[in-house]
Structure formats: C-alpha cells, structure tokens
Amino acid sequence: MEHTDHSWETVGRLHAWLHENSKYPPEQEVLLRVLKLSEEVGEVAQAVIGAKGQNPRKGTTHSWQDVESELCDVIITAMVALRTLTPDAADVFTSHLDLVAGRSLGD
C-alpha cells in the first residue's frame, strides 16, 4: 500500500482556518495554541486512566484506540502550534528530528 504524506499541507490548511476564525491578535494565538497542548496531553492521561480502569468508581471508560486518537490530537496540536510560530514548520521539524536522531541513534 503506497502512502503519500500530506501532513504539513493539511496542517497549513488547519492553521489558515484557525487563523481566519480567530478573534485574538497573532501573539495571543501563539500562546493559546501552545496552551492547547496541555489540554490535549491531559486528555491522553484521562484516556490511559480510563483504558486501565484505574478509577474504581468509573471502571474502564476508554479503549487503547481512544489513547491512540488522543495521542494523534497531541501531535496535530503541536504541529499546528509550530506552524503558528513559523511558516517553515516542516523544515524546522525535520531539522530537529534529524538532530534528535543523530544524538540518540548516531545517525
């Protein structure tokens, strides 16, 4: 199965849509997008707790597919936040990924 990645193109479209519908100045947009990451990470934690059934009062409330979905929301939110900071988000991300891989994997 061939897969063509249009992720950054889609992120650009999401960024444009959010920007067009924002009632805040650009500086506040950046801050709010970064803060949105905390909300999304909290939803991952909630899904993991629910998938493990940690809360005896609530029992199992989420599946591991819910955790996957919430993790995807974190990634998308981070990508949009990065795009909000710079129109070169894809290049910034690729450069940083290469740097981390070099440090960690010796690439």
N, C-alpha and C. Protein backbone atom coordinates (compact mmCIF):
# COMPACT_ATOMS: atom_id res chain seq x y z
N MET A 1 0.84 -1.18 0.00
CA MET A 1 0.00 0.00 0.00
C MET A 1 0.89 1.24 0.00
N GLU A 2 0.73 2.09 -0.98
CA GLU A 2 1.51 3.32 -1.07
C GLU A 2 0.84 4.40 -0.24
N HIS A 3 1.65 5.14 0.48
CA HIS A 3 1.13 6.20 1.33
C HIS A 3 1.86 7.50 0.99
N THR A 4 1.10 8.50 0.62
CA THR A 4 1.66 9.82 0.38
C THR A 4 1.31 10.70 1.56
N ASP A 5 2.32 11.30 2.14
CA ASP A 5 2.12 12.11 3.34
C ASP A 5 1.85 13.57 2.96
N HIS A 6 0.67 14.02 3.28
CA HIS A 6 0.27 15.41 3.06
C HIS A 6 0.09 16.12 4.40
N SER A 7 0.74 15.61 5.43
CA SER A 7 0.51 16.11 6.78
C SER A 7 0.73 17.60 6.91
N TRP A 8 1.87 18.09 6.44
CA TRP A 8 2.15 19.52 6.62
C TRP A 8 1.25 20.39 5.77
N GLU A 9 0.83 19.89 4.62
CA GLU A 9 -0.15 20.62 3.80
C GLU A 9 -1.46 20.76 4.57
N THR A 10 -1.90 19.66 5.18
CA THR A 10 -3.13 19.68 5.97
C THR A 10 -2.98 20.57 7.19
N VAL A 11 -1.83 20.51 7.84
CA VAL A 11 -1.58 21.39 8.98
C VAL A 11 -1.66 22.85 8.55
N GLY A 12 -1.11 23.17 7.39
CA GLY A 12 -1.20 24.53 6.87
C GLY A 12 -2.64 24.97 6.67
N ARG A 13 -3.46 24.06 6.15
CA ARG A 13 -4.87 24.38 5.96
C ARG A 13 -5.59 24.56 7.29
N LEU A 14 -5.28 23.71 8.27
CA LEU A 14 -5.86 23.87 9.60
C LEU A 14 -5.44 25.19 10.23
N HIS A 15 -4.16 25.52 10.10
CA HIS A 15 -3.64 26.79 10.64
C HIS A 15 -4.38 27.96 10.01
N ALA A 16 -4.54 27.94 8.69
CA ALA A 16 -5.23 29.03 7.99
C ALA A 16 -6.68 29.15 8.47
N TRP A 17 -7.34 28.03 8.61
CA TRP A 17 -8.73 28.03 9.08
C TRP A 17 -8.83 28.61 10.49
N LEU A 18 -7.94 28.15 11.37
CA LEU A 18 -7.95 28.68 12.74
C LEU A 18 -7.65 30.17 12.75
N HIS A 19 -6.67 30.59 11.96
CA HIS A 19 -6.29 32.00 11.90
C HIS A 19 -7.46 32.86 11.40
N GLU A 20 -8.12 32.40 10.36
CA GLU A 20 -9.25 33.14 9.79
C GLU A 20 -10.41 33.28 10.78
N ASN A 21 -10.54 32.30 11.67
CA ASN A 21 -11.65 32.30 12.62
C ASN A 21 -11.26 32.74 14.02
N SER A 22 -10.04 33.27 14.17
CA SER A 22 -9.58 33.70 15.48
C SER A 22 -10.05 35.12 15.77
N LYS A 23 -10.36 35.34 17.03
CA LYS A 23 -10.73 36.70 17.46
C LYS A 23 -9.60 37.33 18.26
N TYR A 24 -8.43 36.70 18.25
CA TYR A 24 -7.29 37.16 19.03
C TYR A 24 -6.18 37.66 18.13
N PRO A 25 -5.36 38.59 18.65
CA PRO A 25 -4.18 39.02 17.88
C PRO A 25 -3.18 37.86 17.76
N PRO A 26 -2.30 37.92 16.76
CA PRO A 26 -1.36 36.81 16.50
C PRO A 26 -0.56 36.38 17.72
N GLU A 27 -0.12 37.31 18.57
CA GLU A 27 0.67 36.92 19.75
C GLU A 27 -0.15 36.03 20.68
N GLN A 28 -1.42 36.35 20.84
CA GLN A 28 -2.27 35.53 21.70
C GLN A 28 -2.60 34.19 21.05
N GLU A 29 -2.72 34.18 19.72
CA GLU A 29 -2.97 32.92 19.02
C GLU A 29 -1.86 31.92 19.33
N VAL A 30 -0.61 32.38 19.29
CA VAL A 30 0.52 31.50 19.57
C VAL A 30 0.41 30.95 20.99
N LEU A 31 0.19 31.81 21.96
CA LEU A 31 0.10 31.36 23.35
C LEU A 31 -1.04 30.37 23.55
N LEU A 32 -2.19 30.66 22.96
CA LEU A 32 -3.34 29.78 23.13
C LEU A 32 -3.12 28.43 22.45
N ARG A 33 -2.43 28.42 21.32
CA ARG A 33 -2.15 27.14 20.64
C ARG A 33 -1.18 26.30 21.46
N VAL A 34 -0.21 26.95 22.08
CA VAL A 34 0.73 26.20 22.93
C VAL A 34 0.01 25.69 24.17
N LEU A 35 -0.85 26.50 24.76
CA LEU A 35 -1.61 26.06 25.93
C LEU A 35 -2.55 24.90 25.58
N LYS A 36 -3.07 24.90 24.37
CA LYS A 36 -3.95 23.82 23.92
C LYS A 36 -3.26 22.47 24.02
N LEU A 37 -1.93 22.46 23.89
CA LEU A 37 -1.18 21.21 24.04
C LEU A 37 -1.39 20.59 25.42
N SER A 38 -1.39 21.43 26.46
CA SER A 38 -1.60 20.92 27.82
C SER A 38 -2.97 20.26 27.94
N GLU A 39 -3.96 20.86 27.34
CA GLU A 39 -5.30 20.28 27.37
C GLU A 39 -5.30 18.91 26.68
N GLU A 40 -4.67 18.84 25.52
CA GLU A 40 -4.64 17.58 24.78
C GLU A 40 -3.86 16.50 25.52
N VAL A 41 -2.75 16.85 26.13
CA VAL A 41 -1.96 15.88 26.90
C VAL A 41 -2.79 15.36 28.08
N GLY A 42 -3.55 16.26 28.70
CA GLY A 42 -4.44 15.84 29.79
C GLY A 42 -5.47 14.82 29.31
N GLU A 43 -5.94 14.99 28.09
CA GLU A 43 -6.91 14.04 27.53
C GLU A 43 -6.26 12.68 27.27
N VAL A 44 -4.97 12.67 26.92
CA VAL A 44 -4.25 11.40 26.78
C VAL A 44 -4.20 10.70 28.14
N ALA A 45 -3.84 11.45 29.17
CA ALA A 45 -3.77 10.88 30.52
C ALA A 45 -5.13 10.33 30.94
N GLN A 46 -6.17 11.08 30.70
CA GLN A 46 -7.52 10.64 31.05
C GLN A 46 -7.87 9.34 30.31
N ALA A 47 -7.50 9.26 29.04
CA ALA A 47 -7.80 8.05 28.25
C ALA A 47 -7.01 6.84 28.77
N VAL A 48 -5.74 7.04 29.14
CA VAL A 48 -4.93 5.93 29.68
C VAL A 48 -5.54 5.45 31.00
N ILE A 49 -5.88 6.39 31.87
CA ILE A 49 -6.51 6.03 33.15
C ILE A 49 -7.81 5.26 32.90
N GLY A 50 -8.58 5.74 31.92
CA GLY A 50 -9.83 5.07 31.58
C GLY A 50 -9.63 3.71 30.95
N ALA A 51 -8.59 3.57 30.13
CA ALA A 51 -8.30 2.28 29.50
C ALA A 51 -7.81 1.25 30.52
N LYS A 52 -7.10 1.71 31.53
CA LYS A 52 -6.61 0.81 32.59
C LYS A 52 -7.67 0.55 33.65
N GLY A 53 -8.76 1.33 33.63
CA GLY A 53 -9.80 1.17 34.64
C GLY A 53 -9.31 1.53 36.03
N GLN A 54 -8.40 2.51 36.11
CA GLN A 54 -7.77 2.87 37.38
C GLN A 54 -8.77 3.42 38.39
N ASN A 55 -9.74 4.15 37.94
CA ASN A 55 -10.72 4.74 38.85
C ASN A 55 -11.81 3.71 39.14
N PRO A 56 -11.83 3.18 40.38
CA PRO A 56 -12.79 2.11 40.69
C PRO A 56 -14.25 2.58 40.58
N ARG A 57 -14.48 3.85 40.77
CA ARG A 57 -15.84 4.37 40.68
C ARG A 57 -16.33 4.36 39.23
N LYS A 58 -15.41 4.63 38.29
CA LYS A 58 -15.80 4.72 36.89
C LYS A 58 -15.55 3.44 36.11
N GLY A 59 -14.56 2.66 36.53
CA GLY A 59 -14.23 1.44 35.80
C GLY A 59 -13.52 1.77 34.48
N THR A 60 -13.61 0.87 33.53
CA THR A 60 -12.98 1.06 32.23
C THR A 60 -13.88 1.96 31.38
N THR A 61 -13.36 3.13 31.05
CA THR A 61 -14.16 4.12 30.33
C THR A 61 -13.61 4.43 28.94
N HIS A 62 -12.39 3.95 28.64
CA HIS A 62 -11.76 4.25 27.36
C HIS A 62 -11.11 2.97 26.82
N SER A 63 -10.83 2.98 25.54
CA SER A 63 -10.10 1.88 24.91
C SER A 63 -8.70 2.37 24.56
N TRP A 64 -7.83 1.44 24.17
CA TRP A 64 -6.49 1.84 23.73
C TRP A 64 -6.57 2.57 22.39
N GLN A 65 -7.63 2.33 21.63
CA GLN A 65 -7.83 3.11 20.41
C GLN A 65 -8.14 4.58 20.76
N ASP A 66 -8.83 4.80 21.89
CA ASP A 66 -9.05 6.17 22.37
C ASP A 66 -7.73 6.84 22.71
N VAL A 67 -6.82 6.08 23.31
CA VAL A 67 -5.49 6.62 23.65
C VAL A 67 -4.76 6.99 22.35
N GLU A 68 -4.81 6.11 21.37
CA GLU A 68 -4.18 6.41 20.07
C GLU A 68 -4.74 7.70 19.48
N SER A 69 -6.05 7.84 19.51
CA SER A 69 -6.70 9.03 18.97
C SER A 69 -6.27 10.29 19.70
N GLU A 70 -6.20 10.20 21.02
CA GLU A 70 -5.78 11.37 21.81
C GLU A 70 -4.32 11.72 21.54
N LEU A 71 -3.47 10.71 21.37
CA LEU A 71 -2.08 10.97 21.02
C LEU A 71 -1.98 11.67 19.67
N CYS A 72 -2.81 11.24 18.73
CA CYS A 72 -2.83 11.92 17.43
C CYS A 72 -3.25 13.38 17.59
N ASP A 73 -4.22 13.64 18.47
CA ASP A 73 -4.62 15.03 18.71
C ASP A 73 -3.47 15.86 19.27
N VAL A 74 -2.65 15.25 20.13
CA VAL A 74 -1.47 15.96 20.67
C VAL A 74 -0.51 16.31 19.53
N ILE A 75 -0.25 15.34 18.67
CA ILE A 75 0.68 15.56 17.56
C ILE A 75 0.15 16.66 16.63
N ILE A 76 -1.11 16.57 16.27
CA ILE A 76 -1.71 17.58 15.38
C ILE A 76 -1.66 18.95 16.03
N THR A 77 -2.00 19.04 17.29
CA THR A 77 -1.99 20.32 18.00
C THR A 77 -0.59 20.89 18.05
N ALA A 78 0.42 20.05 18.28
CA ALA A 78 1.81 20.52 18.30
C ALA A 78 2.23 20.99 16.92
N MET A 79 1.83 20.27 15.88
CA MET A 79 2.18 20.68 14.52
C MET A 79 1.56 22.03 14.17
N VAL A 80 0.30 22.21 14.55
CA VAL A 80 -0.37 23.48 14.27
C VAL A 80 0.28 24.61 15.08
N ALA A 81 0.65 24.33 16.33
CA ALA A 81 1.33 25.35 17.15
C ALA A 81 2.66 25.73 16.51
N LEU A 82 3.41 24.75 16.05
CA LEU A 82 4.69 25.03 15.39
C LEU A 82 4.46 25.84 14.12
N ARG A 83 3.43 25.49 13.36
CA ARG A 83 3.12 26.25 12.14
C ARG A 83 2.70 27.68 12.48
N THR A 84 2.07 27.86 13.63
CA THR A 84 1.68 29.20 14.07
C THR A 84 2.92 30.04 14.36
N LEU A 85 3.97 29.40 14.85
CA LEU A 85 5.22 30.10 15.15
C LEU A 85 6.01 30.43 13.89
N THR A 86 5.97 29.54 12.89
CA THR A 86 6.79 29.75 11.71
C THR A 86 6.16 29.11 10.47
N PRO A 87 6.20 29.80 9.34
CA PRO A 87 5.72 29.19 8.11
C PRO A 87 6.64 28.06 7.63
N ASP A 88 7.84 27.97 8.20
CA ASP A 88 8.81 26.92 7.84
C ASP A 88 8.72 25.73 8.80
N ALA A 89 7.54 25.48 9.33
CA ALA A 89 7.36 24.45 10.35
C ALA A 89 7.87 23.08 9.91
N ALA A 90 7.59 22.69 8.68
CA ALA A 90 8.02 21.37 8.21
C ALA A 90 9.53 21.25 8.23
N ASP A 91 10.23 22.28 7.76
CA ASP A 91 11.70 22.25 7.75
C ASP A 91 12.26 22.29 9.17
N VAL A 92 11.65 23.10 10.02
CA VAL A 92 12.10 23.18 11.42
C VAL A 92 11.95 21.82 12.08
N PHE A 93 10.81 21.18 11.86
CA PHE A 93 10.58 19.87 12.46
C PHE A 93 11.56 18.83 11.93
N THR A 94 11.74 18.77 10.62
CA THR A 94 12.65 17.79 10.02
C THR A 94 14.07 17.98 10.53
N SER A 95 14.52 19.23 10.62
CA SER A 95 15.87 19.51 11.13
C SER A 95 16.01 19.06 12.57
N HIS A 96 14.98 19.32 13.37
CA HIS A 96 15.05 18.93 14.78
C HIS A 96 14.98 17.41 14.93
N LEU A 97 14.14 16.77 14.15
CA LEU A 97 14.07 15.30 14.18
C LEU A 97 15.41 14.69 13.82
N ASP A 98 16.07 15.24 12.79
CA ASP A 98 17.39 14.76 12.41
C ASP A 98 18.40 14.96 13.53
N LEU A 99 18.32 16.09 14.22
CA LEU A 99 19.21 16.37 15.34
C LEU A 99 19.00 15.35 16.47
N VAL A 100 17.76 15.11 16.82
CA VAL A 100 17.45 14.14 17.88
C VAL A 100 17.89 12.75 17.47
N ALA A 101 17.63 12.37 16.23
CA ALA A 101 18.06 11.04 15.75
C ALA A 101 19.57 10.92 15.78
N GLY A 102 20.26 11.98 15.41
CA GLY A 102 21.73 11.97 15.45
C GLY A 102 22.24 11.76 16.86
N ARG A 103 21.64 12.47 17.81
CA ARG A 103 22.06 12.35 19.22
C ARG A 103 21.75 10.97 19.77
N SER A 104 20.57 10.48 19.45
CA SER A 104 20.08 9.24 20.07
C SER A 104 20.49 7.98 19.32
N LEU A 105 20.49 8.06 18.00
CA LEU A 105 20.73 6.86 17.19
C LEU A 105 22.08 6.85 16.50
N GLY A 106 22.77 7.98 16.61
CA GLY A 106 24.06 8.07 15.95
C GLY A 106 23.95 8.24 14.46
N ASP A 107 22.78 8.69 13.99
CA ASP A 107 22.58 8.91 12.54
C ASP A 107 23.38 10.09 12.04
